Amino acid sequence: MKLRIRVATLLLLCLGGTATAEVKDSAADGFTLENSVEVAVDADTAWRALVGEVDRWWPKGHTWWGAQSRLRIEPRAGGCFCEIADDRQARHMQVVFVEPGKLLRMTGGLGPLQGMGVDGVLEFRLAEAGEGATRITLFYRAGGYAPDDLAGFAPVVDKVQAMQLGGLADYLRAEGGAAGGGDR
């Protein structure tokens, strides 16, 4: 298991990220992460991209089946954050709370955490950050039993989540720039 943590850490650290990232806390049984970015679009535009365009901004390198995958988020209680590639399917998380333009909360384990039986809560929080700008915060708290210390996963998962949030921000910046907006 420790070798698996080291290999995953090495692979994921090579991938980089574009959002502000922080491990808020970590322990043997879990961790809390928070990543934040500001974009020059209103919260409704950010929301539509978050839930309606996830397949266009989520990094394909962080899906089970790469370019073959199609991602979707069903923004309703009980909805699915799912990945489909032909007959192959994965439910990454389940939607448990929806407040359009403000908060999307999902539960589950992402990536290798799912196979380890580790569970978590992931939130996308949207808040006004000035005229026509939105601060998007990605919050993830994961925990559960694992034979090895989960604290070793925290910096790796944090870096990946920064990349995922960066993918959304880059997508919004490109779309905002095309619509006369831009980076802030």
Protein backbone atom coordinates (compact mmCIF):
# COMPACT_ATOMS: atom_id res chain seq x y z
CA MET A 1 0.00 0.00 0.00
CA LYS A 2 2.82 2.45 0.82
CA LEU A 3 4.37 1.81 -2.60
CA ARG A 4 0.98 2.57 -4.19
CA ILE A 5 0.85 5.92 -2.33
CA ARG A 6 4.37 6.81 -3.50
CA VAL A 7 3.65 5.89 -7.12
CA ALA A 8 0.34 7.81 -7.12
CA THR A 9 2.06 10.81 -5.54
CA LEU A 10 4.82 10.83 -8.14
CA LEU A 11 2.42 10.48 -11.07
CA LEU A 12 0.00 13.11 -9.87
CA LEU A 13 2.65 15.65 -8.90
CA CYS A 14 3.90 15.61 -12.48
CA LEU A 15 0.53 16.85 -13.73
CA GLY A 16 0.54 20.38 -12.29
CA GLY A 17 -2.35 22.63 -11.29
CA THR A 18 -3.64 26.17 -11.79
CA ALA A 19 -5.78 27.02 -8.75
CA THR A 20 -4.82 28.15 -5.25
CA ALA A 21 -4.63 24.97 -3.19
CA GLU A 22 -4.46 24.23 0.50
CA VAL A 23 -4.51 21.13 2.67
CA LYS A 24 -6.59 22.45 5.59
CA ASP A 25 -5.90 19.43 7.79
CA SER A 26 -4.89 15.79 7.51
CA ALA A 27 -4.76 12.76 9.77
CA ALA A 28 -4.42 9.00 9.51
CA ASP A 29 -8.17 8.68 8.91
CA GLY A 30 -8.79 11.59 6.52
CA PHE A 31 -8.14 15.09 5.29
CA THR A 32 -9.76 18.40 4.33
CA LEU A 33 -8.79 20.32 1.19
CA GLU A 34 -9.77 23.72 -0.12
CA ASN A 35 -8.95 25.20 -3.51
CA SER A 36 -10.14 28.56 -4.73
CA VAL A 37 -10.04 30.60 -7.93
CA GLU A 38 -11.61 33.82 -9.17
CA VAL A 39 -13.07 34.11 -12.66
CA ALA A 40 -14.46 37.11 -14.54
CA VAL A 41 -17.95 35.68 -15.09
CA ASP A 42 -21.10 35.94 -13.02
CA ALA A 43 -22.17 33.09 -10.73
CA ASP A 44 -24.97 31.94 -13.05
CA THR A 45 -22.51 31.54 -15.94
CA ALA A 46 -20.08 29.68 -13.67
CA TRP A 47 -22.91 27.44 -12.44
CA ARG A 48 -24.04 26.54 -15.96
CA ALA A 49 -20.48 25.55 -16.88
CA LEU A 50 -19.99 23.62 -13.62
CA VAL A 51 -23.03 21.40 -13.99
CA GLY A 52 -23.83 21.57 -17.70
CA GLU A 53 -20.39 21.55 -19.29
CA VAL A 54 -18.40 19.26 -16.96
CA ASP A 55 -17.37 17.08 -19.89
CA ARG A 56 -15.72 20.09 -21.53
CA TRP A 57 -13.58 21.25 -18.60
CA TRP A 58 -12.85 18.21 -16.37
CA PRO A 59 -9.33 16.96 -17.23
CA LYS A 60 -9.68 13.76 -19.27
CA GLY A 61 -6.49 12.48 -17.64
CA HIS A 62 -8.52 12.25 -14.43
CA THR A 63 -11.27 10.02 -15.73
CA TRP A 64 -11.35 6.24 -15.81
CA TRP A 65 -11.37 5.97 -19.63
CA GLY A 66 -9.73 9.17 -20.89
CA ALA A 67 -10.90 10.70 -24.16
CA GLN A 68 -13.55 7.97 -24.55
CA SER A 69 -15.32 9.18 -21.39
CA ARG A 70 -18.35 11.41 -21.24
CA LEU A 71 -19.02 13.12 -17.91
CA ARG A 72 -22.27 14.54 -16.60
CA ILE A 73 -23.57 16.07 -13.41
CA GLU A 74 -27.30 15.84 -12.73
CA PRO A 75 -27.93 18.94 -10.57
CA ARG A 76 -30.67 17.51 -8.35
CA ALA A 77 -30.74 15.71 -5.00
CA GLY A 78 -29.90 12.09 -5.76
CA GLY A 79 -28.36 13.06 -9.10
CA CYS A 80 -25.24 11.45 -10.48
CA PHE A 81 -21.79 12.77 -11.25
CA CYS A 82 -21.20 9.99 -13.73
CA GLU A 83 -18.76 8.88 -16.39
CA ILE A 84 -19.77 6.73 -19.33
CA ALA A 85 -17.63 5.18 -22.06
CA ASP A 86 -19.73 2.80 -24.14
CA ASP A 87 -20.70 -0.06 -21.78
CA ARG A 88 -18.30 1.08 -19.04
CA GLN A 89 -19.81 3.28 -16.36
CA ALA A 90 -18.75 4.90 -13.10
CA ARG A 91 -20.65 6.91 -10.53
CA HIS A 92 -18.01 9.21 -9.10
CA MET A 93 -20.30 10.98 -6.65
CA GLN A 94 -23.94 11.48 -5.73
CA VAL A 95 -25.46 14.97 -5.63
CA VAL A 96 -26.93 15.68 -2.18
CA PHE A 97 -27.48 19.47 -2.17
CA VAL A 98 -28.18 21.96 -4.95
CA GLU A 99 -28.53 25.74 -4.64
CA PRO A 100 -28.10 26.98 -8.23
CA GLY A 101 -25.50 29.70 -8.60
CA LYS A 102 -24.25 29.16 -5.04
CA LEU A 103 -23.55 25.59 -3.92
CA LEU A 104 -23.28 22.07 -5.31
CA ARG A 105 -22.56 19.34 -2.74
CA MET A 106 -21.79 15.74 -3.66
CA THR A 107 -20.71 12.70 -1.67
CA GLY A 108 -18.43 9.81 -2.56
CA GLY A 109 -14.81 8.87 -3.10
CA LEU A 110 -12.99 10.20 -6.15
CA GLY A 111 -10.45 8.23 -8.17
CA PRO A 112 -8.48 5.65 -6.22
CA LEU A 113 -10.24 6.66 -2.97
CA GLN A 114 -13.42 5.04 -4.32
CA GLY A 115 -11.73 1.63 -4.57
CA MET A 116 -10.24 2.04 -1.11
CA GLY A 117 -13.66 2.53 0.47
CA VAL A 118 -12.84 6.11 1.49
CA ASP A 119 -15.84 8.45 1.37
CA GLY A 120 -16.07 12.21 1.27
CA VAL A 121 -18.09 15.35 0.71
CA LEU A 122 -17.17 17.65 -2.16
CA GLU A 123 -18.56 21.16 -2.50
CA PHE A 124 -18.33 23.72 -5.24
CA ARG A 125 -19.09 27.07 -3.58
CA LEU A 126 -19.74 30.12 -5.77
CA ALA A 127 -19.64 33.65 -4.37
CA GLU A 128 -19.68 37.10 -5.91
CA ALA A 129 -16.16 38.55 -6.09
CA GLY A 130 -16.89 42.00 -7.45
CA GLU A 131 -18.78 43.22 -10.48
CA GLY A 132 -19.14 40.34 -12.94
CA ALA A 133 -16.67 38.09 -11.08
CA THR A 134 -17.11 34.90 -9.10
CA ARG A 135 -14.92 33.14 -6.56
CA ILE A 136 -15.25 29.37 -6.94
CA THR A 137 -14.11 27.31 -3.98
CA LEU A 138 -13.69 23.55 -4.24
CA PHE A 139 -13.89 21.97 -0.78
CA TYR A 140 -13.30 18.25 -0.20
CA ARG A 141 -13.30 16.39 3.09
CA ALA A 142 -12.58 12.66 2.84
CA GLY A 143 -12.10 9.98 5.44
CA GLY A 144 -12.61 6.42 6.52
CA TYR A 145 -10.68 3.32 7.41
CA ALA A 146 -7.55 2.54 5.43
CA PRO A 147 -4.68 0.24 6.41
CA ASP A 148 -2.23 3.08 5.72
CA ASP A 149 -2.17 6.73 6.76
CA LEU A 150 -4.58 8.76 4.59
CA ALA A 151 -2.62 11.92 5.39
CA GLY A 152 -0.14 10.78 2.72
CA PHE A 153 -2.88 11.15 0.09
CA ALA A 154 -3.82 14.71 1.07
CA PRO A 155 -1.16 16.62 -0.94
CA VAL A 156 -1.72 14.41 -3.99
CA VAL A 157 -5.50 14.75 -3.97
CA ASP A 158 -5.13 18.49 -3.29
CA LYS A 159 -2.94 18.94 -6.36
CA VAL A 160 -5.38 16.98 -8.54
CA GLN A 161 -8.32 19.01 -7.24
CA ALA A 162 -6.45 22.23 -7.96
CA MET A 163 -6.03 20.97 -11.52
CA GLN A 164 -9.74 20.13 -11.79
CA LEU A 165 -10.77 23.55 -10.50
CA GLY A 166 -8.17 25.07 -12.82
CA GLY A 167 -9.84 23.26 -15.72
CA LEU A 168 -13.17 24.91 -14.86
CA ALA A 169 -11.52 28.31 -14.47
CA ASP A 170 -9.63 27.99 -17.76
CA TYR A 171 -12.84 26.96 -19.52
CA LEU A 172 -14.73 29.94 -18.05
CA ARG A 173 -11.91 32.33 -18.95
CA ALA A 174 -11.88 31.09 -22.54
CA GLU A 175 -15.67 31.28 -22.78
CA GLY A 176 -15.75 34.65 -20.98
CA GLY A 177 -13.01 35.99 -23.24
CA ALA A 178 -14.99 34.92 -26.30
CA ALA A 179 -18.05 36.70 -24.93
CA GLY A 180 -16.20 39.94 -24.20
CA GLY A 181 -15.21 39.07 -20.62
CA GLY A 182 -11.73 37.99 -19.72
CA ASP A 183 -9.40 37.02 -16.95
CA ARG A 184 -9.37 38.86 -13.67
